ModelCIF file with pLDDT and N, C-alpha, C, O atoms, coordinates in Angstrom:
data_MODEL
#
_entry.id   MODEL 
#
_entity.id                         1 
_entity.type                       polymer 
_entity.pdbx_number_of_molecules   1 
#
_entity_poly.entity_id                      1 
_entity_poly.type                           'polypeptide(L)' 
_entity_poly.nstd_linkage                   no 
_entity_poly.nstd_monomer                   no 
_entity_poly.pdbx_seq_one_letter_code       LRFVERGIGVAVVPAMVVIDRPGLHSRRLVRPQLTRTVNL 
_entity_poly.pdbx_seq_one_letter_code_can   LRFVERGIGVAVVPAMVVIDRPGLHSRRLVRPQLTRTVNL 
_entity_poly.pdbx_strand_id                 A 
#
loop_
_entity_poly_seq.entity_id 
_entity_poly_seq.num 
_entity_poly_seq.mon_id 
_entity_poly_seq.hetero 
1 1  LEU n 
1 2  ARG n 
1 3  PHE n 
1 4  VAL n 
1 5  GLU n 
1 6  ARG n 
1 7  GLY n 
1 8  ILE n 
1 9  GLY n 
1 10 VAL n 
1 11 ALA n 
1 12 VAL n 
1 13 VAL n 
1 14 PRO n 
1 15 ALA n 
1 16 MET n 
1 17 VAL n 
1 18 VAL n 
1 19 ILE n 
1 20 ASP n 
1 21 ARG n 
1 22 PRO n 
1 23 GLY n 
1 24 LEU n 
1 25 HIS n 
1 26 SER n 
1 27 ARG n 
1 28 ARG n 
1 29 LEU n 
1 30 VAL n 
1 31 ARG n 
1 32 PRO n 
1 33 GLN n 
1 34 LEU n 
1 35 THR n 
1 36 ARG n 
1 37 THR n 
1 38 VAL n 
1 39 ASN n 
1 40 LEU n 
#
_struct_asym.id          A 
_struct_asym.entity_id   1 
#
loop_
_ma_qa_metric.id 
_ma_qa_metric.mode 
_ma_qa_metric.name 
_ma_qa_metric.software_group_id 
_ma_qa_metric.type 
1 global pLDDT . pLDDT 
2 local  pLDDT . pLDDT 
#
_ma_qa_metric_global.metric_id      1 
_ma_qa_metric_global.metric_value   92.05 
_ma_qa_metric_global.model_id       1 
_ma_qa_metric_global.ordinal_id     1 
#
loop_
_ma_qa_metric_local.label_asym_id 
_ma_qa_metric_local.label_comp_id 
_ma_qa_metric_local.label_seq_id 
_ma_qa_metric_local.metric_id 
_ma_qa_metric_local.metric_value 
_ma_qa_metric_local.model_id 
_ma_qa_metric_local.ordinal_id 
A LEU 1  2 93.00 1 1  
A ARG 2  2 94.00 1 2  
A PHE 3  2 96.00 1 3  
A VAL 4  2 95.00 1 4  
A GLU 5  2 94.00 1 5  
A ARG 6  2 93.00 1 6  
A GLY 7  2 94.00 1 7  
A ILE 8  2 95.00 1 8  
A GLY 9  2 95.00 1 9  
A VAL 10 2 96.00 1 10 
A ALA 11 2 96.00 1 11 
A VAL 12 2 96.00 1 12 
A VAL 13 2 95.00 1 13 
A PRO 14 2 93.00 1 14 
A ALA 15 2 91.00 1 15 
A MET 16 2 90.00 1 16 
A VAL 17 2 89.00 1 17 
A VAL 18 2 87.00 1 18 
A ILE 19 2 81.00 1 19 
A ASP 20 2 81.00 1 20 
A ARG 21 2 87.00 1 21 
A PRO 22 2 88.00 1 22 
A GLY 23 2 90.00 1 23 
A LEU 24 2 91.00 1 24 
A HIS 25 2 90.00 1 25 
A SER 26 2 90.00 1 26 
A ARG 27 2 92.00 1 27 
A ARG 28 2 92.00 1 28 
A LEU 29 2 94.00 1 29 
A VAL 30 2 92.00 1 30 
A ARG 31 2 92.00 1 31 
A PRO 32 2 93.00 1 32 
A GLN 33 2 92.00 1 33 
A LEU 34 2 93.00 1 34 
A THR 35 2 92.00 1 35 
A ARG 36 2 92.00 1 36 
A THR 37 2 93.00 1 37 
A VAL 38 2 94.00 1 38 
A ASN 39 2 95.00 1 39 
A LEU 40 2 96.00 1 40 
#
loop_
_atom_site.group_PDB 
_atom_site.id 
_atom_site.type_symbol 
_atom_site.label_atom_id 
_atom_site.label_alt_id 
_atom_site.label_comp_id 
_atom_site.label_asym_id 
_atom_site.label_entity_id 
_atom_site.label_seq_id 
_atom_site.pdbx_PDB_ins_code 
_atom_site.Cartn_x 
_atom_site.Cartn_y 
_atom_site.Cartn_z 
_atom_site.occupancy 
_atom_site.B_iso_or_equiv 
_atom_site.pdbx_formal_charge 
_atom_site.auth_seq_id 
_atom_site.auth_comp_id 
_atom_site.auth_asym_id 
_atom_site.auth_atom_id 
_atom_site.pdbx_PDB_model_num 
ATOM 1   N N  . LEU A 1 1  ? -8.185  -17.870 -17.051 1.00 93.00 ? 1  LEU A N  1 
ATOM 2   C CA . LEU A 1 1  ? -7.924  -17.176 -15.786 1.00 93.00 ? 1  LEU A CA 1 
ATOM 3   C C  . LEU A 1 1  ? -9.224  -16.783 -15.085 1.00 93.00 ? 1  LEU A C  1 
ATOM 4   O O  . LEU A 1 1  ? -9.327  -16.872 -13.861 1.00 93.00 ? 1  LEU A O  1 
ATOM 5   N N  . ARG A 1 2  ? -10.206 -16.351 -15.862 1.00 94.00 ? 2  ARG A N  1 
ATOM 6   C CA . ARG A 1 2  ? -11.491 -15.985 -15.255 1.00 94.00 ? 2  ARG A CA 1 
ATOM 7   C C  . ARG A 1 2  ? -12.190 -17.210 -14.672 1.00 94.00 ? 2  ARG A C  1 
ATOM 8   O O  . ARG A 1 2  ? -12.770 -17.124 -13.589 1.00 94.00 ? 2  ARG A O  1 
ATOM 9   N N  . PHE A 1 3  ? -12.149 -18.343 -15.364 1.00 96.00 ? 3  PHE A N  1 
ATOM 10  C CA . PHE A 1 3  ? -12.767 -19.561 -14.858 1.00 96.00 ? 3  PHE A CA 1 
ATOM 11  C C  . PHE A 1 3  ? -12.086 -20.012 -13.552 1.00 96.00 ? 3  PHE A C  1 
ATOM 12  O O  . PHE A 1 3  ? -12.749 -20.441 -12.607 1.00 96.00 ? 3  PHE A O  1 
ATOM 13  N N  . VAL A 1 4  ? -10.764 -19.904 -13.524 1.00 95.00 ? 4  VAL A N  1 
ATOM 14  C CA . VAL A 1 4  ? -10.041 -20.282 -12.305 1.00 95.00 ? 4  VAL A CA 1 
ATOM 15  C C  . VAL A 1 4  ? -10.431 -19.359 -11.156 1.00 95.00 ? 4  VAL A C  1 
ATOM 16  O O  . VAL A 1 4  ? -10.666 -19.831 -10.043 1.00 95.00 ? 4  VAL A O  1 
ATOM 17  N N  . GLU A 1 5  ? -10.504 -18.059 -11.403 1.00 94.00 ? 5  GLU A N  1 
ATOM 18  C CA . GLU A 1 5  ? -10.897 -17.115 -10.351 1.00 94.00 ? 5  GLU A CA 1 
ATOM 19  C C  . GLU A 1 5  ? -12.300 -17.399 -9.829  1.00 94.00 ? 5  GLU A C  1 
ATOM 20  O O  . GLU A 1 5  ? -12.605 -17.093 -8.676  1.00 94.00 ? 5  GLU A O  1 
ATOM 21  N N  . ARG A 1 6  ? -13.150 -17.980 -10.660 1.00 93.00 ? 6  ARG A N  1 
ATOM 22  C CA . ARG A 1 6  ? -14.511 -18.334 -10.247 1.00 93.00 ? 6  ARG A CA 1 
ATOM 23  C C  . ARG A 1 6  ? -14.570 -19.673 -9.517  1.00 93.00 ? 6  ARG A C  1 
ATOM 24  O O  . ARG A 1 6  ? -15.640 -20.102 -9.087  1.00 93.00 ? 6  ARG A O  1 
ATOM 25  N N  . GLY A 1 7  ? -13.414 -20.336 -9.378  1.00 94.00 ? 7  GLY A N  1 
ATOM 26  C CA . GLY A 1 7  ? -13.375 -21.581 -8.634  1.00 94.00 ? 7  GLY A CA 1 
ATOM 27  C C  . GLY A 1 7  ? -13.798 -22.807 -9.409  1.00 94.00 ? 7  GLY A C  1 
ATOM 28  O O  . GLY A 1 7  ? -14.098 -23.838 -8.807  1.00 94.00 ? 7  GLY A O  1 
ATOM 29  N N  . ILE A 1 8  ? -13.832 -22.724 -10.750 1.00 95.00 ? 8  ILE A N  1 
ATOM 30  C CA . ILE A 1 8  ? -14.275 -23.860 -11.564 1.00 95.00 ? 8  ILE A CA 1 
ATOM 31  C C  . ILE A 1 8  ? -13.228 -24.969 -11.572 1.00 95.00 ? 8  ILE A C  1 
ATOM 32  O O  . ILE A 1 8  ? -13.571 -26.147 -11.674 1.00 95.00 ? 8  ILE A O  1 
ATOM 33  N N  . GLY A 1 9  ? -11.966 -24.602 -11.466 1.00 95.00 ? 9  GLY A N  1 
ATOM 34  C CA . GLY A 1 9  ? -10.888 -25.587 -11.456 1.00 95.00 ? 9  GLY A CA 1 
ATOM 35  C C  . GLY A 1 9  ? -9.559  -24.879 -11.339 1.00 95.00 ? 9  GLY A C  1 
ATOM 36  O O  . GLY A 1 9  ? -9.504  -23.658 -11.194 1.00 95.00 ? 9  GLY A O  1 
ATOM 37  N N  . VAL A 1 10 ? -8.496  -25.643 -11.402 1.00 96.00 ? 10 VAL A N  1 
ATOM 38  C CA . VAL A 1 10 ? -7.152  -25.071 -11.379 1.00 96.00 ? 10 VAL A CA 1 
ATOM 39  C C  . VAL A 1 10 ? -6.624  -25.065 -12.806 1.00 96.00 ? 10 VAL A C  1 
ATOM 40  O O  . VAL A 1 10 ? -7.232  -25.650 -13.703 1.00 96.00 ? 10 VAL A O  1 
ATOM 41  N N  . ALA A 1 11 ? -5.488  -24.400 -13.011 1.00 96.00 ? 11 ALA A N  1 
ATOM 42  C CA . ALA A 1 11 ? -4.872  -24.377 -14.339 1.00 96.00 ? 11 ALA A CA 1 
ATOM 43  C C  . ALA A 1 11 ? -3.359  -24.326 -14.185 1.00 96.00 ? 11 ALA A C  1 
ATOM 44  O O  . ALA A 1 11 ? -2.839  -23.809 -13.196 1.00 96.00 ? 11 ALA A O  1 
ATOM 45  N N  . VAL A 1 12 ? -2.665  -24.868 -15.171 1.00 96.00 ? 12 VAL A N  1 
ATOM 46  C CA . VAL A 1 12 ? -1.209  -24.802 -15.225 1.00 96.00 ? 12 VAL A CA 1 
ATOM 47  C C  . VAL A 1 12 ? -0.840  -23.631 -16.129 1.00 96.00 ? 12 VAL A C  1 
ATOM 48  O O  . VAL A 1 12 ? -1.208  -23.599 -17.304 1.00 96.00 ? 12 VAL A O  1 
ATOM 49  N N  . VAL A 1 13 ? -0.111  -22.671 -15.569 1.00 95.00 ? 13 VAL A N  1 
ATOM 50  C CA . VAL A 1 13 ? 0.249   -21.458 -16.310 1.00 95.00 ? 13 VAL A CA 1 
ATOM 51  C C  . VAL A 1 13 ? 1.700   -21.103 -16.018 1.00 95.00 ? 13 VAL A C  1 
ATOM 52  O O  . VAL A 1 13 ? 2.258   -21.568 -15.024 1.00 95.00 ? 13 VAL A O  1 
ATOM 53  N N  . PRO A 1 14 ? 2.319   -20.290 -16.861 1.00 93.00 ? 14 PRO A N  1 
ATOM 54  C CA . PRO A 1 14 ? 3.660   -19.790 -16.553 1.00 93.00 ? 14 PRO A CA 1 
ATOM 55  C C  . PRO A 1 14 ? 3.628   -18.885 -15.320 1.00 93.00 ? 14 PRO A C  1 
ATOM 56  O O  . PRO A 1 14 ? 2.623   -18.223 -15.060 1.00 93.00 ? 14 PRO A O  1 
ATOM 57  N N  . ALA A 1 15 ? 4.718   -18.859 -14.568 1.00 91.00 ? 15 ALA A N  1 
ATOM 58  C CA . ALA A 1 15 ? 4.761   -18.105 -13.313 1.00 91.00 ? 15 ALA A CA 1 
ATOM 59  C C  . ALA A 1 15 ? 4.453   -16.629 -13.515 1.00 91.00 ? 15 ALA A C  1 
ATOM 60  O O  . ALA A 1 15 ? 3.831   -16.011 -12.651 1.00 91.00 ? 15 ALA A O  1 
ATOM 61  N N  . MET A 1 16 ? 4.877   -16.047 -14.646 1.00 90.00 ? 16 MET A N  1 
ATOM 62  C CA . MET A 1 16 ? 4.680   -14.618 -14.857 1.00 90.00 ? 16 MET A CA 1 
ATOM 63  C C  . MET A 1 16 ? 3.211   -14.226 -14.970 1.00 90.00 ? 16 MET A C  1 
ATOM 64  O O  . MET A 1 16 ? 2.860   -13.072 -14.727 1.00 90.00 ? 16 MET A O  1 
ATOM 65  N N  . VAL A 1 17 ? 2.357   -15.166 -15.332 1.00 89.00 ? 17 VAL A N  1 
ATOM 66  C CA . VAL A 1 17 ? 0.939   -14.857 -15.515 1.00 89.00 ? 17 VAL A CA 1 
ATOM 67  C C  . VAL A 1 17 ? 0.294   -14.399 -14.210 1.00 89.00 ? 17 VAL A C  1 
ATOM 68  O O  . VAL A 1 17 ? -0.693  -13.664 -14.232 1.00 89.00 ? 17 VAL A O  1 
ATOM 69  N N  . VAL A 1 18 ? 0.842   -14.825 -13.078 1.00 87.00 ? 18 VAL A N  1 
ATOM 70  C CA . VAL A 1 18 ? 0.225   -14.539 -11.782 1.00 87.00 ? 18 VAL A CA 1 
ATOM 71  C C  . VAL A 1 18 ? 0.509   -13.110 -11.319 1.00 87.00 ? 18 VAL A C  1 
ATOM 72  O O  . VAL A 1 18 ? -0.106  -12.645 -10.359 1.00 87.00 ? 18 VAL A O  1 
ATOM 73  N N  . ILE A 1 19 ? 1.430   -12.404 -11.984 1.00 81.00 ? 19 ILE A N  1 
ATOM 74  C CA . ILE A 1 19 ? 1.777   -11.040 -11.581 1.00 81.00 ? 19 ILE A CA 1 
ATOM 75  C C  . ILE A 1 19 ? 0.529   -10.160 -11.576 1.00 81.00 ? 19 ILE A C  1 
ATOM 76  O O  . ILE A 1 19 ? -0.237  -10.147 -12.540 1.00 81.00 ? 19 ILE A O  1 
ATOM 77  N N  . ASP A 1 20 ? 0.333   -9.422  -10.473 1.00 81.00 ? 20 ASP A N  1 
ATOM 78  C CA . ASP A 1 20 ? -0.767  -8.456  -10.348 1.00 81.00 ? 20 ASP A CA 1 
ATOM 79  C C  . ASP A 1 20 ? -2.137  -9.094  -10.537 1.00 81.00 ? 20 ASP A C  1 
ATOM 80  O O  . ASP A 1 20 ? -3.046  -8.460  -11.074 1.00 81.00 ? 20 ASP A O  1 
ATOM 81  N N  . ARG A 1 21 ? -2.297  -10.341 -10.102 1.00 87.00 ? 21 ARG A N  1 
ATOM 82  C CA . ARG A 1 21 ? -3.602  -10.998 -10.165 1.00 87.00 ? 21 ARG A CA 1 
ATOM 83  C C  . ARG A 1 21 ? -3.966  -11.507 -8.772  1.00 87.00 ? 21 ARG A C  1 
ATOM 84  O O  . ARG A 1 21 ? -3.760  -12.679 -8.457  1.00 87.00 ? 21 ARG A O  1 
ATOM 85  N N  . PRO A 1 22 ? -4.513  -10.609 -7.933  1.00 88.00 ? 22 PRO A N  1 
ATOM 86  C CA . PRO A 1 22 ? -4.836  -11.006 -6.551  1.00 88.00 ? 22 PRO A CA 1 
ATOM 87  C C  . PRO A 1 22 ? -5.908  -12.073 -6.464  1.00 88.00 ? 22 PRO A C  1 
ATOM 88  O O  . PRO A 1 22 ? -6.060  -12.704 -5.417  1.00 88.00 ? 22 PRO A O  1 
ATOM 89  N N  . GLY A 1 23 ? -6.661  -12.294 -7.545  1.00 90.00 ? 23 GLY A N  1 
ATOM 90  C CA . GLY A 1 23 ? -7.693  -13.321 -7.509  1.00 90.00 ? 23 GLY A CA 1 
ATOM 91  C C  . GLY A 1 23 ? -7.164  -14.725 -7.706  1.00 90.00 ? 23 GLY A C  1 
ATOM 92  O O  . GLY A 1 23 ? -7.928  -15.690 -7.684  1.00 90.00 ? 23 GLY A O  1 
ATOM 93  N N  . LEU A 1 24 ? -5.833  -14.847 -7.904  1.00 91.00 ? 24 LEU A N  1 
ATOM 94  C CA . LEU A 1 24 ? -5.232  -16.156 -8.135  1.00 91.00 ? 24 LEU A CA 1 
ATOM 95  C C  . LEU A 1 24 ? -4.230  -16.499 -7.034  1.00 91.00 ? 24 LEU A C  1 
ATOM 96  O O  . LEU A 1 24 ? -3.519  -15.633 -6.523  1.00 91.00 ? 24 LEU A O  1 
ATOM 97  N N  . HIS A 1 25 ? -4.193  -17.759 -6.690  1.00 90.00 ? 25 HIS A N  1 
ATOM 98  C CA . HIS A 1 25 ? -3.199  -18.297 -5.754  1.00 90.00 ? 25 HIS A CA 1 
ATOM 99  C C  . HIS A 1 25 ? -2.367  -19.324 -6.514  1.00 90.00 ? 25 HIS A C  1 
ATOM 100 O O  . HIS A 1 25 ? -2.923  -20.176 -7.208  1.00 90.00 ? 25 HIS A O  1 
ATOM 101 N N  . SER A 1 26 ? -1.039  -19.256 -6.392  1.00 90.00 ? 26 SER A N  1 
ATOM 102 C CA . SER A 1 26 ? -0.181  -20.168 -7.161  1.00 90.00 ? 26 SER A CA 1 
ATOM 103 C C  . SER A 1 26 ? 0.598   -21.101 -6.252  1.00 90.00 ? 26 SER A C  1 
ATOM 104 O O  . SER A 1 26 ? 0.961   -20.741 -5.132  1.00 90.00 ? 26 SER A O  1 
ATOM 105 N N  . ARG A 1 27 ? 0.849   -22.302 -6.750  1.00 92.00 ? 27 ARG A N  1 
ATOM 106 C CA . ARG A 1 27 ? 1.692   -23.292 -6.082  1.00 92.00 ? 27 ARG A CA 1 
ATOM 107 C C  . ARG A 1 27 ? 2.675   -23.872 -7.081  1.00 92.00 ? 27 ARG A C  1 
ATOM 108 O O  . ARG A 1 27 ? 2.397   -23.937 -8.279  1.00 92.00 ? 27 ARG A O  1 
ATOM 109 N N  . ARG A 1 28 ? 3.797   -24.283 -6.590  1.00 92.00 ? 28 ARG A N  1 
ATOM 110 C CA . ARG A 1 28 ? 4.810   -24.872 -7.464  1.00 92.00 ? 28 ARG A CA 1 
ATOM 111 C C  . ARG A 1 28 ? 4.356   -26.259 -7.906  1.00 92.00 ? 28 ARG A C  1 
ATOM 112 O O  . ARG A 1 28 ? 3.711   -26.990 -7.154  1.00 92.00 ? 28 ARG A O  1 
ATOM 113 N N  . LEU A 1 29 ? 4.705   -26.598 -9.131  1.00 94.00 ? 29 LEU A N  1 
ATOM 114 C CA . LEU A 1 29 ? 4.461   -27.928 -9.677  1.00 94.00 ? 29 LEU A CA 1 
ATOM 115 C C  . LEU A 1 29 ? 5.776   -28.692 -9.608  1.00 94.00 ? 29 LEU A C  1 
ATOM 116 O O  . LEU A 1 29 ? 6.779   -28.260 -10.175 1.00 94.00 ? 29 LEU A O  1 
ATOM 117 N N  . VAL A 1 30 ? 5.771   -29.823 -8.917  1.00 92.00 ? 30 VAL A N  1 
ATOM 118 C CA . VAL A 1 30 ? 7.017   -30.579 -8.701  1.00 92.00 ? 30 VAL A CA 1 
ATOM 119 C C  . VAL A 1 30 ? 6.813   -32.049 -9.078  1.00 92.00 ? 30 VAL A C  1 
ATOM 120 O O  . VAL A 1 30 ? 5.694   -32.542 -9.221  1.00 92.00 ? 30 VAL A O  1 
ATOM 121 N N  . ARG A 1 31 ? 7.941   -32.708 -9.226  1.00 92.00 ? 31 ARG A N  1 
ATOM 122 C CA . ARG A 1 31 ? 7.989   -34.146 -9.528  1.00 92.00 ? 31 ARG A CA 1 
ATOM 123 C C  . ARG A 1 31 ? 7.038   -34.533 -10.660 1.00 92.00 ? 31 ARG A C  1 
ATOM 124 O O  . ARG A 1 31 ? 6.045   -35.219 -10.418 1.00 92.00 ? 31 ARG A O  1 
ATOM 125 N N  . PRO A 1 32 ? 7.330   -34.098 -11.917 1.00 93.00 ? 32 PRO A N  1 
ATOM 126 C CA . PRO A 1 32 ? 8.479   -33.276 -12.300 1.00 93.00 ? 32 PRO A CA 1 
ATOM 127 C C  . PRO A 1 32 ? 8.142   -31.780 -12.300 1.00 93.00 ? 32 PRO A C  1 
ATOM 128 O O  . PRO A 1 32 ? 6.982   -31.373 -12.371 1.00 93.00 ? 32 PRO A O  1 
ATOM 129 N N  . GLN A 1 33 ? 9.199   -30.994 -12.218 1.00 92.00 ? 33 GLN A N  1 
ATOM 130 C CA . GLN A 1 33 ? 9.035   -29.552 -12.407 1.00 92.00 ? 33 GLN A CA 1 
ATOM 131 C C  . GLN A 1 33 ? 9.043   -29.271 -13.905 1.00 92.00 ? 33 GLN A C  1 
ATOM 132 O O  . GLN A 1 33 ? 9.903   -29.770 -14.632 1.00 92.00 ? 33 GLN A O  1 
ATOM 133 N N  . LEU A 1 34 ? 8.094   -28.481 -14.357 1.00 93.00 ? 34 LEU A N  1 
ATOM 134 C CA . LEU A 1 34 ? 8.008   -28.136 -15.771 1.00 93.00 ? 34 LEU A CA 1 
ATOM 135 C C  . LEU A 1 34 ? 8.465   -26.692 -15.966 1.00 93.00 ? 34 LEU A C  1 
ATOM 136 O O  . LEU A 1 34 ? 8.051   -25.795 -15.231 1.00 93.00 ? 34 LEU A O  1 
ATOM 137 N N  . THR A 1 35 ? 9.309   -26.483 -16.948 1.00 92.00 ? 35 THR A N  1 
ATOM 138 C CA . THR A 1 35 ? 9.811   -25.137 -17.234 1.00 92.00 ? 35 THR A CA 1 
ATOM 139 C C  . THR A 1 35 ? 9.706   -24.863 -18.735 1.00 92.00 ? 35 THR A C  1 
ATOM 140 O O  . THR A 1 35 ? 9.489   -25.771 -19.537 1.00 92.00 ? 35 THR A O  1 
ATOM 141 N N  . ARG A 1 36 ? 9.863   -23.611 -19.084 1.00 92.00 ? 36 ARG A N  1 
ATOM 142 C CA . ARG A 1 36 ? 9.932   -23.227 -20.486 1.00 92.00 ? 36 ARG A CA 1 
ATOM 143 C C  . ARG A 1 36 ? 10.931  -22.093 -20.625 1.00 92.00 ? 36 ARG A C  1 
ATOM 144 O O  . ARG A 1 36 ? 11.167  -21.346 -19.676 1.00 92.00 ? 36 ARG A O  1 
ATOM 145 N N  . THR A 1 37 ? 11.517  -21.962 -21.808 1.00 93.00 ? 37 THR A N  1 
ATOM 146 C CA . THR A 1 37 ? 12.452  -20.882 -22.099 1.00 93.00 ? 37 THR A CA 1 
ATOM 147 C C  . THR A 1 37 ? 11.774  -19.886 -23.030 1.00 93.00 ? 37 THR A C  1 
ATOM 148 O O  . THR A 1 37 ? 11.205  -20.259 -24.055 1.00 93.00 ? 37 THR A O  1 
ATOM 149 N N  . VAL A 1 38 ? 11.847  -18.616 -22.655 1.00 94.00 ? 38 VAL A N  1 
ATOM 150 C CA . VAL A 1 38 ? 11.301  -17.539 -23.481 1.00 94.00 ? 38 VAL A CA 1 
ATOM 151 C C  . VAL A 1 38 ? 12.456  -16.902 -24.249 1.00 94.00 ? 38 VAL A C  1 
ATOM 152 O O  . VAL A 1 38 ? 13.465  -16.525 -23.652 1.00 94.00 ? 38 VAL A O  1 
ATOM 153 N N  . ASN A 1 39 ? 12.316  -16.781 -25.551 1.00 95.00 ? 39 ASN A N  1 
ATOM 154 C CA . ASN A 1 39 ? 13.364  -16.248 -26.421 1.00 95.00 ? 39 ASN A CA 1 
ATOM 155 C C  . ASN A 1 39 ? 12.850  -15.050 -27.208 1.00 95.00 ? 39 ASN A C  1 
ATOM 156 O O  . ASN A 1 39 ? 11.657  -14.935 -27.489 1.00 95.00 ? 39 ASN A O  1 
ATOM 157 N N  . LEU A 1 40 ? 13.766  -14.168 -27.553 1.00 96.00 ? 40 LEU A N  1 
ATOM 158 C CA . LEU A 1 40 ? 13.475  -13.115 -28.516 1.00 96.00 ? 40 LEU A CA 1 
ATOM 159 C C  . LEU A 1 40 ? 13.953  -13.600 -29.874 1.00 96.00 ? 40 LEU A C  1 
ATOM 160 O O  . LEU A 1 40 ? 13.820  -12.885 -30.867 1.00 96.00 ? 40 LEU A O  1 
#
């Protein structure tokens, strides 16, 4: 996350990671869309 904020490159992360991180901009990944299921 710190490397991405410094502009070194982009990263693929879960959507929740972007919460309360104003230094990051997120875009949807499509064709294909990748998802994951979180379980307890």
